[in-house]
PDB file of N, CA and C in Angstrom:
ATOM      1  N   MET A   1       3.926-227.018   9.095  1.00  0.00           N
ATOM      2  CA  MET A   1       5.297-227.011   9.593  1.00  0.00           C
ATOM      3  C   MET A   1       5.382-225.993  10.727  1.00  0.00           C
ATOM      4  N   SER A   2       5.835-226.425  11.868  1.00  0.00           N
ATOM      5  CA  SER A   2       5.927-225.538  13.023  1.00  0.00           C
ATOM      6  C   SER A   2       7.217-224.721  12.976  1.00  0.00           C
ATOM      7  N   SER A   3       7.256-223.687  13.775  1.00  0.00           N
ATOM      8  CA  SER A   3       8.459-222.850  13.836  1.00  0.00           C
ATOM      9  C   SER A   3       9.667-223.657  14.287  1.00  0.00           C
ATOM     10  N   ASP A   4       9.441-224.618  15.191  1.00  0.00           N
ATOM     11  CA  ASP A   4      10.546-225.454  15.664  1.00  0.00           C
ATOM     12  C   ASP A   4      11.146-226.278  14.532  1.00  0.00           C
ATOM     13  N   GLU A   5      10.286-226.806  13.656  1.00  0.00           N
ATOM     14  CA  GLU A   5      10.783-227.579  12.514  1.00  0.00           C
ATOM     15  C   GLU A   5      11.543-226.679  11.552  1.00  0.00           C
ATOM     16  N   LEU A   6      11.063-225.460  11.377  1.00  0.00           N
ATOM     17  CA  LEU A   6      11.738-224.518  10.484  1.00  0.00           C
ATOM     18  C   LEU A   6      13.139-224.199  10.991  1.00  0.00           C
ATOM     19  N   LEU A   7      13.276-224.115  12.307  1.00  0.00           N
ATOM     20  CA  LEU A   7      14.559-223.741  12.881  1.00  0.00           C
ATOM     21  C   LEU A   7      15.631-224.791  12.622  1.00  0.00           C
ATOM     22  N   GLU A   8      15.223-226.002  12.328  1.00  0.00           N
ATOM     23  CA  GLU A   8      16.181-227.069  12.060  1.00  0.00           C
ATOM     24  C   GLU A   8      16.603-227.099  10.591  1.00  0.00           C
ATOM     25  N   ASP A   9      15.938-226.327   9.763  1.00  0.00           N
ATOM     26  CA  ASP A   9      16.163-226.356   8.321  1.00  0.00           C
ATOM     27  C   ASP A   9      17.097-225.252   7.853  1.00  0.00           C
ATOM     28  N   PHE A  10      17.442-225.368   6.609  1.00  0.00           N
ATOM     29  CA  PHE A  10      18.178-224.327   5.913  1.00  0.00           C
ATOM     30  C   PHE A  10      17.289-223.782   4.816  1.00  0.00           C
ATOM     31  N   LEU A  11      17.454-222.531   4.497  1.00  0.00           N
ATOM     32  CA  LEU A  11      16.849-221.957   3.311  1.00  0.00           C
ATOM     33  C   LEU A  11      17.942-221.974   2.260  1.00  0.00           C
ATOM     34  N   VAL A  12      17.686-222.603   1.125  1.00  0.00           N
ATOM     35  CA  VAL A  12      18.675-222.711   0.064  1.00  0.00           C
ATOM     36  C   VAL A  12      18.203-221.869  -1.107  1.00  0.00           C
ATOM     37  N   ILE A  13      19.014-220.907  -1.495  1.00  0.00           N
ATOM     38  CA  ILE A  13      18.714-220.096  -2.672  1.00  0.00           C
ATOM     39  C   ILE A  13      19.793-220.396  -3.692  1.00  0.00           C
ATOM     40  N   THR A  14      19.391-220.945  -4.835  1.00  0.00           N
ATOM     41  CA  THR A  14      20.319-221.276  -5.909  1.00  0.00           C
ATOM     42  C   THR A  14      20.301-220.150  -6.924  1.00  0.00           C
ATOM     43  N   LEU A  15      21.462-219.583  -7.210  1.00  0.00           N
ATOM     44  CA  LEU A  15      21.565-218.548  -8.226  1.00  0.00           C
ATOM     45  C   LEU A  15      21.787-219.255  -9.552  1.00  0.00           C
ATOM     46  N   LYS A  16      20.822-219.158 -10.442  1.00  0.00           N
ATOM     47  CA  LYS A  16      20.861-219.931 -11.675  1.00  0.00           C
ATOM     48  C   LYS A  16      21.901-219.418 -12.658  1.00  0.00           C
ATOM     49  N   GLN A  17      22.287-218.179 -12.548  1.00  0.00           N
ATOM     50  CA  GLN A  17      23.363-217.677 -13.397  1.00  0.00           C
ATOM     51  C   GLN A  17      24.658-217.869 -12.622  1.00  0.00           C
ATOM     52  N   GLY A  18      25.466-218.783 -13.029  1.00  0.00           N
ATOM     53  CA  GLY A  18      26.723-219.041 -12.344  1.00  0.00           C
ATOM     54  C   GLY A  18      26.685-220.274 -11.458  1.00  0.00           C
ATOM     55  N   GLY A  19      25.502-220.824 -11.197  1.00  0.00           N
ATOM     56  CA  GLY A  19      25.383-222.054 -10.432  1.00  0.00           C
ATOM     57  C   GLY A  19      25.742-221.951  -8.963  1.00  0.00           C
ATOM     58  N   ARG A  20      25.831-220.766  -8.417  1.00  0.00           N
ATOM     59  CA  ARG A  20      26.174-220.611  -6.997  1.00  0.00           C
ATOM     60  C   ARG A  20      24.966-220.950  -6.133  1.00  0.00           C
ATOM     61  N   GLN A  21      25.226-221.334  -4.906  1.00  0.00           N
ATOM     62  CA  GLN A  21      24.156-221.574  -3.950  1.00  0.00           C
ATOM     63  C   GLN A  21      24.452-220.814  -2.670  1.00  0.00           C
ATOM     64  N   GLU A  22      23.415-220.235  -2.118  1.00  0.00           N
ATOM     65  CA  GLU A  22      23.501-219.552  -0.831  1.00  0.00           C
ATOM     66  C   GLU A  22      22.713-220.390   0.172  1.00  0.00           C
ATOM     67  N   TYR A  23      23.368-220.837   1.223  1.00  0.00           N
ATOM     68  CA  TYR A  23      22.711-221.583   2.289  1.00  0.00           C
ATOM     69  C   TYR A  23      22.531-220.649   3.471  1.00  0.00           C
ATOM     70  N   ILE A  24      21.292-220.502   3.896  1.00  0.00           N
ATOM     71  CA  ILE A  24      20.997-219.638   5.029  1.00  0.00           C
ATOM     72  C   ILE A  24      20.431-220.522   6.135  1.00  0.00           C
ATOM     73  N   GLU A  25      21.132-220.612   7.239  1.00  0.00           N
ATOM     74  CA  GLU A  25      20.638-221.414   8.358  1.00  0.00           C
ATOM     75  C   GLU A  25      19.508-220.652   9.025  1.00  0.00           C
ATOM     76  N   LEU A  26      18.382-221.330   9.191  1.00  0.00           N
ATOM     77  CA  LEU A  26      17.244-220.703   9.848  1.00  0.00           C
ATOM     78  C   LEU A  26      17.371-220.924  11.349  1.00  0.00           C
ATOM     79  N   ASN A  27      17.357-219.815  12.087  1.00  0.00           N
ATOM     80  CA  ASN A  27      17.453-219.894  13.547  1.00  0.00           C
ATOM     81  C   ASN A  27      16.558-218.828  14.158  1.00  0.00           C
ATOM     82  N   GLU A  28      16.498-218.801  15.473  1.00  0.00           N
ATOM     83  CA  GLU A  28      15.587-217.865  16.140  1.00  0.00           C
ATOM     84  C   GLU A  28      15.957-216.408  15.897  1.00  0.00           C
ATOM     85  N   HIS A  29      17.185-216.144  15.467  1.00  0.00           N
ATOM     86  CA  HIS A  29      17.611-214.766  15.228  1.00  0.00           C
ATOM     87  C   HIS A  29      17.181-214.249  13.861  1.00  0.00           C
ATOM     88  N   ASN A  30      17.134-215.113  12.852  1.00  0.00           N
ATOM     89  CA  ASN A  30      16.809-214.607  11.518  1.00  0.00           C
ATOM     90  C   ASN A  30      15.457-215.060  10.992  1.00  0.00           C
ATOM     91  N   ILE A  31      14.768-215.964  11.663  1.00  0.00           N
ATOM     92  CA  ILE A  31      13.514-216.504  11.147  1.00  0.00           C
ATOM     93  C   ILE A  31      12.433-215.419  11.036  1.00  0.00           C
ATOM     94  N   LYS A  32      12.505-214.405  11.871  1.00  0.00           N
ATOM     95  CA  LYS A  32      11.519-213.313  11.842  1.00  0.00           C
ATOM     96  C   LYS A  32      11.991-212.133  10.982  1.00  0.00           C
ATOM     97  N   GLU A  33      13.219-212.197  10.490  1.00  0.00           N
ATOM     98  CA  GLU A  33      13.778-211.132   9.647  1.00  0.00           C
ATOM     99  C   GLU A  33      12.986-211.036   8.337  1.00  0.00           C
ATOM    100  N   LYS A  34      12.905-209.857   7.798  1.00  0.00           N
ATOM    101  CA  LYS A  34      12.217-209.666   6.521  1.00  0.00           C
ATOM    102  C   LYS A  34      13.005-210.347   5.408  1.00  0.00           C
ATOM    103  N   PHE A  35      12.302-211.025   4.522  1.00  0.00           N
ATOM    104  CA  PHE A  35      12.934-211.729   3.413  1.00  0.00           C
ATOM    105  C   PHE A  35      13.670-210.747   2.503  1.00  0.00           C
ATOM    106  N   ARG A  36      13.112-209.542   2.354  1.00  0.00           N
ATOM    107  CA  ARG A  36      13.749-208.529   1.504  1.00  0.00           C
ATOM    108  C   ARG A  36      15.161-208.203   1.997  1.00  0.00           C
ATOM    109  N   ALA A  37      15.362-208.146   3.299  1.00  0.00           N
ATOM    110  CA  ALA A  37      16.694-207.856   3.850  1.00  0.00           C
ATOM    111  C   ALA A  37      17.684-208.942   3.442  1.00  0.00           C
ATOM    112  N   LEU A  38      17.232-210.178   3.448  1.00  0.00           N
ATOM    113  CA  LEU A  38      18.079-211.291   3.018  1.00  0.00           C
ATOM    114  C   LEU A  38      18.413-211.177   1.533  1.00  0.00           C
ATOM    115  N   LEU A  39      17.401-210.898   0.716  1.00  0.00           N
ATOM    116  CA  LEU A  39      17.639-210.741  -0.726  1.00  0.00           C
ATOM    117  C   LEU A  39      18.566-209.571  -1.014  1.00  0.00           C
ATOM    118  N   ASP A  40      18.389-208.478  -0.291  1.00  0.00           N
ATOM    119  CA  ASP A  40      19.251-207.310  -0.506  1.00  0.00           C
ATOM    120  C   ASP A  40      20.718-207.645  -0.257  1.00  0.00           C
ATOM    121  N   LYS A  41      20.982-208.483   0.750  1.00  0.00           N
ATOM    122  CA  LYS A  41      22.364-208.912   1.023  1.00  0.00           C
ATOM    123  C   LYS A  41      22.923-209.715  -0.151  1.00  0.00           C
ATOM    124  N   ILE A  42      22.100-210.593  -0.723  1.00  0.00           N
ATOM    125  CA  ILE A  42      22.533-211.404  -1.870  1.00  0.00           C
ATOM    126  C   ILE A  42      22.757-210.514  -3.085  1.00  0.00           C
ATOM    127  N   PHE A  43      21.831-209.595  -3.339  1.00  0.00           N
ATOM    128  CA  PHE A  43      21.980-208.680  -4.480  1.00  0.00           C
ATOM    129  C   PHE A  43      23.258-207.859  -4.349  1.00  0.00           C
ATOM    130  N   LYS A  44      23.530-207.384  -3.150  1.00  0.00           N
ATOM    131  CA  LYS A  44      24.733-206.575  -2.936  1.00  0.00           C
ATOM    132  C   LYS A  44      25.997-207.422  -3.112  1.00  0.00           C
ATOM    133  N   LYS A  45      25.999-208.619  -2.547  1.00  0.00           N
ATOM    134  CA  LYS A  45      27.163-209.507  -2.619  1.00  0.00           C
ATOM    135  C   LYS A  45      27.537-209.833  -4.064  1.00  0.00           C
ATOM    136  N   TYR A  46      26.536-210.068  -4.910  1.00  0.00           N
ATOM    137  CA  TYR A  46      26.796-210.460  -6.299  1.00  0.00           C
ATOM    138  C   TYR A  46      26.592-209.315  -7.294  1.00  0.00           C
ATOM    139  N   LYS A  47      26.425-208.100  -6.769  1.00  0.00           N
ATOM    140  CA  LYS A  47      26.261-206.898  -7.594  1.00  0.00           C
ATOM    141  C   LYS A  47      25.108-207.053  -8.589  1.00  0.00           C
ATOM    142  N   MET A  48      23.960-207.436  -8.067  1.00  0.00           N
ATOM    143  CA  MET A  48      22.752-207.633  -8.872  1.00  0.00           C
ATOM    144  C   MET A  48      21.768-206.503  -8.610  1.00  0.00           C
ATOM    145  N   LYS A  49      20.825-206.358  -9.518  1.00  0.00           N
ATOM    146  CA  LYS A  49      19.721-205.426  -9.325  1.00  0.00           C
ATOM    147  C   LYS A  49      18.428-206.233  -9.318  1.00  0.00           C
ATOM    148  N   GLU A  50      17.554-205.894  -8.384  1.00  0.00           N
ATOM    149  CA  GLU A  50      16.319-206.654  -8.204  1.00  0.00           C
ATOM    150  C   GLU A  50      15.467-206.697  -9.469  1.00  0.00           C
ATOM    151  N   LYS A  51      15.472-205.627 -10.245  1.00  0.00           N
ATOM    152  CA  LYS A  51      14.602-205.585 -11.424  1.00  0.00           C
ATOM    153  C   LYS A  51      14.979-206.622 -12.477  1.00  0.00           C
ATOM    154  N   TYR A  52      16.175-207.191 -12.407  1.00  0.00           N
ATOM    155  CA  TYR A  52      16.598-208.218 -13.359  1.00  0.00           C
ATOM    156  C   TYR A  52      16.481-209.628 -12.780  1.00  0.00           C
ATOM    157  N   ALA A  53      15.921-209.754 -11.594  1.00  0.00           N
ATOM    158  CA  ALA A  53      15.882-211.047 -10.907  1.00  0.00           C
ATOM    159  C   ALA A  53      14.456-211.589 -10.810  1.00  0.00           C
ATOM    160  N   MET A  54      14.351-212.924 -10.797  1.00  0.00           N
ATOM    161  CA  MET A  54      13.075-213.596 -10.599  1.00  0.00           C
ATOM    162  C   MET A  54      13.317-214.774  -9.662  1.00  0.00           C
ATOM    163  N   LEU A  55      12.510-214.884  -8.649  1.00  0.00           N
ATOM    164  CA  LEU A  55      12.646-215.933  -7.648  1.00  0.00           C
ATOM    165  C   LEU A  55      11.552-216.969  -7.874  1.00  0.00           C
ATOM    166  N   THR A  56      11.936-218.249  -7.938  1.00  0.00           N
ATOM    167  CA  THR A  56      10.960-219.318  -8.154  1.00  0.00           C
ATOM    168  C   THR A  56      11.148-220.430  -7.128  1.00  0.00           C
ATOM    169  N   THR A  57      10.114-221.263  -7.020  1.00  0.00           N
ATOM    170  CA  THR A  57      10.144-222.416  -6.125  1.00  0.00           C
ATOM    171  C   THR A  57      10.697-223.625  -6.870  1.00  0.00           C
ATOM    172  N   GLU A  58      10.827-224.738  -6.155  1.00  0.00           N
ATOM    173  CA  GLU A  58      11.315-225.984  -6.762  1.00  0.00           C
ATOM    174  C   GLU A  58      10.441-226.441  -7.922  1.00  0.00           C
ATOM    175  N   ASP A  59       9.129-226.232  -7.796  1.00  0.00           N
ATOM    176  CA  ASP A  59       8.220-226.678  -8.849  1.00  0.00           C
ATOM    177  C   ASP A  59       7.944-225.602  -9.900  1.00  0.00           C
ATOM    178  N   GLY A  60       8.713-224.523  -9.885  1.00  0.00           N
ATOM    179  CA  GLY A  60       8.630-223.507 -10.931  1.00  0.00           C
ATOM    180  C   GLY A  60       7.671-222.358 -10.679  1.00  0.00           C
ATOM    181  N   ARG A  61       7.000-222.348  -9.525  1.00  0.00           N
ATOM    182  CA  ARG A  61       6.103-221.229  -9.222  1.00  0.00           C
ATOM    183  C   ARG A  61       6.922-219.988  -8.883  1.00  0.00           C
ATOM    184  N   MET A  62       6.470-218.853  -9.385  1.00  0.00           N
ATOM    185  CA  MET A  62       7.172-217.599  -9.106  1.00  0.00           C
ATOM    186  C   MET A  62       6.786-217.087  -7.720  1.00  0.00           C
ATOM    187  N   VAL A  63       7.764-216.569  -7.007  1.00  0.00           N
ATOM    188  CA  VAL A  63       7.509-215.897  -5.731  1.00  0.00           C
ATOM    189  C   VAL A  63       7.279-214.431  -6.081  1.00  0.00           C
ATOM    190  N   PRO A  64       6.041-213.930  -5.903  1.00  0.00           N
ATOM    191  CA  PRO A  64       5.761-212.550  -6.302  1.00  0.00           C
ATOM    192  C   PRO A  64       6.566-211.543  -5.476  1.00  0.00           C
ATOM    193  N   PRO A  65       7.079-210.503  -6.133  1.00  0.00           N
ATOM    194  CA  PRO A  65       7.895-209.504  -5.423  1.00  0.00           C
ATOM    195  C   PRO A  65       7.211-208.863  -4.220  1.00  0.00           C
ATOM    196  N   PHE A  66       5.870-208.736  -4.243  1.00  0.00           N
ATOM    197  CA  PHE A  66       5.205-208.117  -3.094  1.00  0.00           C
ATOM    198  C   PHE A  66       5.301-209.000  -1.839  1.00  0.00           C
ATOM    199  N   LYS A  67       5.653-210.261  -1.991  1.00  0.00           N
ATOM    200  CA  LYS A  67       5.833-211.164  -0.845  1.00  0.00           C
ATOM    201  C   LYS A  67       7.193-210.976  -0.173  1.00  0.00           C
ATOM    202  N   TYR A  68       8.123-210.292  -0.827  1.00  0.00           N
ATOM    203  CA  TYR A  68       9.480-210.133  -0.294  1.00  0.00           C
ATOM    204  C   TYR A  68       9.508-209.411   1.049  1.00  0.00           C
ATOM    205  N   ASN A  69       8.457-208.649   1.363  1.00  0.00           N
ATOM    206  CA  ASN A  69       8.418-207.914   2.631  1.00  0.00           C
ATOM    207  C   ASN A  69       7.932-208.777   3.791  1.00  0.00           C
ATOM    208  N   GLN A  70       7.626-210.036   3.524  1.00  0.00           N
ATOM    209  CA  GLN A  70       7.183-210.973   4.553  1.00  0.00           C
ATOM    210  C   GLN A  70       8.389-211.467   5.359  1.00  0.00           C
ATOM    211  N   PRO A  71       8.154-211.966   6.566  1.00  0.00           N
ATOM    212  CA  PRO A  71       9.251-212.598   7.313  1.00  0.00           C
ATOM    213  C   PRO A  71       9.728-213.864   6.590  1.00  0.00           C
ATOM    214  N   ILE A  72      10.977-214.242   6.789  1.00  0.00           N
ATOM    215  CA  ILE A  72      11.536-215.442   6.162  1.00  0.00           C
ATOM    216  C   ILE A  72      10.680-216.662   6.503  1.00  0.00           C
ATOM    217  N   GLU A  73      10.204-216.737   7.738  1.00  0.00           N
ATOM    218  CA  GLU A  73       9.379-217.863   8.183  1.00  0.00           C
ATOM    219  C   GLU A  73       8.156-218.037   7.283  1.00  0.00           C
ATOM    220  N   THR A  74       7.493-216.950   6.927  1.00  0.00           N
ATOM    221  CA  THR A  74       6.308-217.002   6.077  1.00  0.00           C
ATOM    222  C   THR A  74       6.662-217.456   4.668  1.00  0.00           C
ATOM    223  N   ILE A  75       7.765-216.965   4.130  1.00  0.00           N
ATOM    224  CA  ILE A  75       8.204-217.365   2.789  1.00  0.00           C
ATOM    225  C   ILE A  75       8.466-218.865   2.748  1.00  0.00           C
ATOM    226  N   VAL A  76       9.146-219.391   3.765  1.00  0.00           N
ATOM    227  CA  VAL A  76       9.449-220.829   3.809  1.00  0.00           C
ATOM    228  C   VAL A  76       8.163-221.644   3.931  1.00  0.00           C
ATOM    229  N   LYS A  77       7.229-221.194   4.751  1.00  0.00           N
ATOM    230  CA  LYS A  77       5.953-221.908   4.896  1.00  0.00           C
ATOM    231  C   LYS A  77       5.176-221.913   3.583  1.00  0.00           C
ATOM    232  N   ASP A  78       5.152-220.782   2.885  1.00  0.00           N
ATOM    233  CA  ASP A  78       4.358-220.648   1.657  1.00  0.00           C
ATOM    234  C   ASP A  78       5.023-221.250   0.429  1.00  0.00           C
ATOM    235  N   PHE A  79       6.356-221.182   0.349  1.00  0.00           N
ATOM    236  CA  PHE A  79       7.043-221.546  -0.891  1.00  0.00           C
ATOM    237  C   PHE A  79       8.104-222.635  -0.734  1.00  0.00           C
ATOM    238  N   GLY A  80       8.353-223.092   0.474  1.00  0.00           N
ATOM    239  CA  GLY A  80       9.363-224.128   0.690  1.00  0.00           C
ATOM    240  C   GLY A  80      10.725-223.522   0.980  1.00  0.00           C
ATOM    241  N   ASN A  81      11.691-224.395   1.255  1.00  0.00           N
ATOM    242  CA  ASN A  81      13.008-223.890   1.650  1.00  0.00           C
ATOM    243  C   ASN A  81      14.056-224.013   0.544  1.00  0.00           C
ATOM    244  N   LYS A  82      13.622-224.336  -0.678  1.00  0.00           N
ATOM    245  CA  LYS A  82      14.550-224.380  -1.812  1.00  0.00           C
ATOM    246  C   LYS A  82      14.019-223.458  -2.901  1.00  0.00           C
ATOM    247  N   LEU A  83      14.698-222.347  -3.087  1.00  0.00           N
ATOM    248  CA  LEU A  83      14.288-221.345  -4.060  1.00  0.00           C
ATOM    249  C   LEU A  83      15.393-221.141  -5.082  1.00  0.00           C
ATOM    250  N   SER A  84      14.999-220.738  -6.282  1.00  0.00           N
ATOM    251  CA  SER A  84      15.964-220.431  -7.339  1.00  0.00           C
ATOM    252  C   SER A  84      15.858-218.961  -7.688  1.00  0.00           C
ATOM    253  N   LEU A  85      16.988-218.320  -7.826  1.00  0.00           N
ATOM    254  CA  LEU A  85      17.038-216.909  -8.189  1.00  0.00           C
ATOM    255  C   LEU A  85      17.615-216.810  -9.593  1.00  0.00           C
ATOM    256  N   TYR A  86      16.769-216.462 -10.542  1.00  0.00           N
ATOM    257  CA  TYR A  86      17.203-216.286 -11.927  1.00  0.00           C
ATOM    258  C   TYR A  86      17.576-214.823 -12.111  1.00  0.00           C
ATOM    259  N   TYR A  87      18.687-214.593 -12.735  1.00  0.00           N
ATOM    260  CA  TYR A  87      19.165-213.225 -12.926  1.00  0.00           C
ATOM    261  C   TYR A  87      19.625-213.066 -14.361  1.00  0.00           C
ATOM    262  N   GLU A  88      19.004-212.121 -15.056  1.00  0.00           N
ATOM    263  CA  GLU A  88      19.386-211.859 -16.436  1.00  0.00           C
ATOM    264  C   GLU A  88      19.400-210.359 -16.656  1.00  0.00           C
ATOM    265  N   LYS A  89      20.576-209.817 -16.763  1.00  0.00           N
ATOM    266  CA  LYS A  89      20.704-208.382 -16.993  1.00  0.00           C
ATOM    267  C   LYS A  89      20.494-208.096 -18.470  1.00  0.00           C
ATOM    268  N   GLN A  90      19.618-207.156 -18.737  1.00  0.00           N
ATOM    269  CA  GLN A  90      19.330-206.758 -20.114  1.00  0.00           C
ATOM    270  C   GLN A  90      20.472-205.916 -20.659  1.00  0.00           C
ATOM    271  N   ILE A  91      20.816-206.140 -21.908  1.00  0.00           N
ATOM    272  CA  ILE A  91      21.913-205.391 -22.541  1.00  0.00           C
ATOM    273  C   ILE A  91      21.343-204.305 -23.423  1.00  0.00           C
TER     274      ILE A  91
END
């Protein structure tokens, strides 16, 4: 998948707790942004903590946390543009 094809797509992150979806339009301004910066915005918006979250692909593969420092473009190439964010706060 070329960068041009990526720019036409959206990155969809589905929050499994609450059924919300975050649609992020991929464009030349954010495609090189670090994926962690994007996740931090989502965590802040929904008052989540990263240690209680797990990110998976459509086919159930986990996105390892050490990959979060990659550019969004790399995450989409490696894991696809539909991700699920599972969040379970321990009591």
